Protein backbone atom coordinates (compact mmCIF):
# COMPACT_ATOMS: atom_id res chain seq x y z
CA MET A 1 89.93 44.11 149.14
CA THR A 2 92.58 41.76 147.51
CA TYR A 3 91.37 38.55 145.77
CA ARG A 4 93.96 35.93 145.21
CA TRP A 5 93.24 33.29 142.35
CA ARG A 6 94.42 29.82 142.76
CA LEU A 7 95.39 28.14 138.99
CA ASN A 8 93.31 24.95 138.45
CA ILE A 9 91.22 24.71 141.86
CA THR A 10 87.07 24.83 141.73
CA GLU A 11 86.07 24.99 145.35
CA ASP A 12 83.04 25.95 147.54
CA VAL A 13 80.37 25.81 144.67
CA TYR A 14 76.42 25.56 145.59
CA ILE A 15 74.26 24.89 142.68
CA VAL A 16 71.06 24.48 144.33
CA GLY A 17 67.30 25.01 143.74
CA ASN A 18 67.05 25.37 140.05
CA PHE A 19 64.32 24.34 137.57
CA ILE A 20 66.00 23.14 134.16
CA PHE A 21 63.79 21.91 131.20
CA ASP A 22 64.88 20.28 127.98
CA PRO A 23 68.63 20.20 128.20
CA ILE A 24 70.41 19.02 124.99
CA GLY A 25 73.50 18.04 126.66
CA SER A 26 73.50 17.57 130.38
CA GLY A 27 71.17 19.42 132.88
CA ILE A 28 74.06 20.17 135.08
CA PHE A 29 77.64 19.43 134.58
CA PHE A 30 80.71 19.84 136.86
CA GLY A 31 84.53 19.36 136.65
CA ALA A 32 87.05 19.10 134.40
CA ASP A 33 86.35 19.80 130.47
CA GLY A 34 86.52 16.33 129.72
CA GLU A 35 88.21 12.86 130.75
CA THR A 36 91.55 13.99 129.03
CA GLN A 37 92.01 16.71 131.29
CA THR A 38 95.11 14.87 133.12
CA ASP A 39 96.75 17.82 135.12
CA PRO A 40 97.83 16.55 138.33
CA SER A 41 97.11 19.64 139.95
CA LEU A 42 93.16 19.69 138.93
CA THR A 43 91.31 20.02 142.19
CA THR A 44 87.71 20.21 142.99
CA SER A 45 86.36 20.49 146.36
CA ASN A 46 83.29 20.92 148.37
CA ILE A 47 80.94 20.55 145.73
CA HIS A 48 77.11 20.72 146.22
CA ILE A 49 74.23 20.34 143.93
CA SER A 50 71.08 20.08 145.50
CA ASN A 51 67.12 20.93 145.28
CA ASN A 52 67.21 21.27 141.28
CA VAL A 53 64.53 19.75 139.31
CA ILE A 54 65.53 18.68 135.62
CA THR A 55 63.17 17.79 133.19
CA GLY A 56 63.52 16.71 129.42
CA ASP A 57 64.83 14.32 127.06
CA TRP A 58 68.99 15.20 127.54
CA ASN A 59 71.73 12.87 125.36
CA THR A 60 74.24 12.63 128.02
CA SER A 61 72.73 13.35 131.64
CA CYS A 62 70.67 14.66 134.05
CA ILE A 63 73.62 15.72 136.06
CA GLN A 64 77.46 14.82 135.38
CA GLY A 65 80.37 15.35 137.25
CA THR A 66 84.05 14.39 135.48
CA ILE A 67 86.00 15.19 138.42
CA PRO A 68 89.92 15.50 138.07
CA ALA A 69 93.07 14.38 139.86
CA ILE A 70 92.44 15.69 142.98
CA THR A 71 88.50 15.42 144.52
CA GLU A 72 86.99 15.51 147.67
CA LYS A 73 83.50 16.49 149.23
CA VAL A 74 80.94 15.99 146.47
CA HIS A 75 77.66 16.01 147.58
CA ILE A 76 74.66 15.26 145.04
CA THR A 77 71.65 15.63 147.31
CA ASN A 78 67.83 15.59 146.66
CA ASN A 79 67.52 16.49 143.08
CA ILE A 80 64.44 15.42 141.04
CA CYS A 81 65.51 14.10 137.21
CA THR A 82 62.91 13.09 134.87
CA LYS A 83 63.80 11.74 131.59
CA THR A 84 60.95 12.45 128.70
CA GLY A 85 62.01 10.56 125.82
CA THR A 86 64.43 7.93 124.14
CA THR A 87 67.42 10.53 122.96
CA GLY A 88 71.22 9.03 123.92
CA ALA A 89 72.20 5.13 123.42
CA SER A 90 74.20 6.03 126.73
CA SER A 91 72.38 8.28 128.77
CA SER A 92 71.86 8.37 132.15
CA GLY A 93 70.47 10.24 135.24
CA ILE A 94 73.32 11.02 137.16
CA ILE A 95 77.33 10.22 136.43
CA VAL A 96 80.10 10.74 138.41
CA ARG A 97 83.11 9.63 136.48
CA ARG A 98 87.11 10.46 136.72
CA THR A 99 89.60 11.97 134.35
CA ASN A 100 91.76 9.76 133.13
CA GLY A 101 95.35 8.51 134.88
CA ALA A 102 93.86 10.10 138.14
CA THR A 103 95.84 8.34 140.76
CA LEU A 104 93.86 9.81 143.76
CA PRO A 105 91.02 8.13 144.92
CA ALA A 106 88.12 10.77 145.07
CA GLU A 107 86.96 10.71 148.57
CA ASN A 108 83.57 11.76 150.41
CA ILE A 109 81.61 11.41 147.37
CA ILE A 110 77.68 11.36 148.52
CA ILE A 111 75.05 10.68 146.15
CA GLU A 112 71.34 10.50 148.30
CA PHE A 113 67.80 11.45 148.35
CA ASN A 114 67.79 11.82 144.55
CA THR A 115 64.74 11.08 142.32
CA ILE A 116 65.44 9.68 139.01
CA THR A 117 62.67 8.51 136.71
CA ALA A 118 61.45 7.89 133.01
CA SER A 119 58.23 9.16 132.01
CA SER A 120 55.92 6.86 129.99
CA GLY A 121 57.77 5.81 126.48
CA ALA A 122 61.01 7.21 127.71
CA SER A 123 64.24 5.66 128.74
CA LEU A 124 67.99 6.00 129.95
CA GLY A 125 70.34 4.17 127.66
CA LYS A 126 72.98 3.23 130.38
CA ALA A 127 71.46 3.97 134.11
CA GLY A 128 69.86 5.56 136.49
CA LEU A 129 72.97 6.51 138.40
CA PHE A 130 76.14 5.80 136.87
CA VAL A 131 79.55 5.81 138.59
CA ASN A 132 82.42 5.32 135.79
CA GLY A 133 86.01 4.75 135.94
CA GLY A 134 88.98 6.01 138.12
CA LEU A 135 89.59 5.73 141.79
CA PHE A 136 86.78 6.14 144.55
CA ASN A 137 87.11 5.73 148.11
CA ASP A 138 84.29 5.76 150.71
CA MET A 139 81.40 6.50 148.48
CA GLN A 140 77.87 6.76 149.65
CA ILE A 141 74.91 6.14 147.29
CA VAL A 142 71.76 6.21 149.76
CA SER A 143 68.14 6.70 150.09
CA ASN A 144 67.65 7.44 146.21
CA GLN A 145 64.54 6.75 144.42
CA ILE A 146 65.23 5.03 140.97
CA ARG A 147 62.20 4.09 138.83
CA ASP A 148 61.40 2.97 135.11
CA VAL A 149 64.81 3.34 133.67
CA SER A 150 64.91 0.56 131.58
CA THR A 151 68.47 -0.33 131.93
CA PHE A 152 70.37 -0.53 135.37
CA ALA A 153 69.42 1.42 138.10
CA VAL A 154 72.57 1.96 139.83
CA LEU A 155 75.67 1.18 137.67
CA LEU A 156 79.20 1.21 139.33
CA ARG A 157 82.06 0.41 137.02
CA GLY A 158 85.82 0.94 138.04
CA ASN A 159 88.26 1.09 141.20
CA VAL A 160 85.20 1.69 143.84
CA GLN A 161 86.37 0.85 147.33
CA ASN A 162 84.34 0.81 150.52
CA ALA A 163 81.17 2.13 148.76
CA ILE A 164 77.74 1.81 150.53
CA VAL A 165 74.61 1.49 148.61
CA SER A 166 71.96 1.53 150.82
CA ASN A 167 68.27 2.01 151.59
CA ASN A 168 67.53 2.90 147.68
CA ILE A 169 64.17 2.10 146.35
CA ILE A 170 64.66 0.73 142.66
CA ASP A 171 61.63 -0.48 140.74
CA GLY A 172 60.87 -0.99 136.80
CA SER A 173 64.83 -1.54 135.82
CA THR A 174 66.10 -4.49 133.82
CA VAL A 175 69.00 -4.79 136.61
CA GLY A 176 68.91 -3.19 139.94
CA ILE A 177 72.61 -2.72 141.09
CA GLY A 178 75.19 -3.68 138.31
CA VAL A 179 79.03 -3.84 139.83
CA VAL A 180 81.82 -4.23 137.05
CA LEU A 181 84.58 -5.80 138.88
CA PRO A 182 87.43 -4.67 140.76
CA VAL A 183 84.52 -3.30 143.44
CA ILE A 184 84.71 -3.48 147.20
CA ILE A 185 81.00 -2.86 147.83
CA LEU A 186 78.55 -3.04 151.08
CA VAL A 187 74.99 -3.33 150.07
CA GLU A 188 72.10 -3.17 152.50
CA TYR A 189 68.69 -3.09 151.75
CA PHE A 190 65.45 -2.96 153.83
CA THR A 191 63.62 -5.18 151.38
CA ALA A 192 64.23 -8.74 151.60
CA ILE A 193 66.12 -11.75 150.84
CA LEU A 194 68.83 -12.31 147.94
CA LEU A 195 66.60 -13.84 144.57
CA SER A 196 69.66 -14.40 142.86
CA ILE A 197 73.42 -13.14 142.31
CA LEU A 198 74.28 -13.40 138.42
CA GLN A 199 77.78 -13.32 136.99
CA LEU A 200 77.56 -12.65 133.63
CA MET A 201 80.89 -11.52 132.07
CA ASP A 202 82.34 -9.27 134.17
CA PHE A 203 79.07 -8.05 135.74
CA ILE A 204 77.71 -9.02 139.14
CA CYS A 205 74.03 -8.10 138.84
CA LEU A 206 72.33 -7.70 142.12
CA PRO A 207 68.79 -8.06 141.46
CA LEU A 208 65.96 -6.43 143.76
CA LEU A 209 65.35 -8.00 147.33
CA VAL A 210 62.51 -8.84 148.98
CA LYS A 211 63.07 -8.78 153.17
CA PRO A 212 66.03 -7.69 155.46
CA SER A 213 69.24 -8.41 154.27
CA ARG A 214 73.14 -6.95 154.31
CA LEU A 215 75.71 -8.31 151.88
CA LEU A 216 79.15 -7.69 151.81
CA LEU A 217 80.48 -8.37 148.25
CA GLU A 218 84.35 -8.37 147.88
CA THR A 219 85.34 -8.55 144.01
CA MET A 220 88.73 -7.81 143.85
């Protein structure tokens, strides 16, 4: 059998069913080795992170993907992240970010059915679920449970287009969903009317709702 190695490509990776305790940096990391990895040929595709249980006082993240110039089909599903302490001023549950200077949008990024919590006395410094920087198109953040994370439950920052944030359960955060311009986002809730939309500096903060509602924001 002959194997042909293709340089700069990571594809068809499944990280499934692991139990990870007390990670120092991140419980699971995938993608480029830092945001400065700007080679335009770097490719990540068909990555599946699912059914993992990660518990501890991580400094950076429970799950983190730093995705490169060419990225498609990254699915982060059915994971349980529990923060047990206060380490990490900018720590988050799940982080998805781009490498610097990526000009093609990352496509088919799905984050769904994950549970992100902070135990009593613990906190996440940045967000439960943090999408940061670069180009994203058709991202779906659906049916996640994010509880007691102290800061943002969901924070989208960067050029995120046509994102769907739908059917998430958010409880106990300072801000339910934070959107930093520019973003085109569709937000759907099963729980009720919009109590308020606050524009503070460059944030649009969407607090929890209380009855069925569907809201389209264009904030380009």
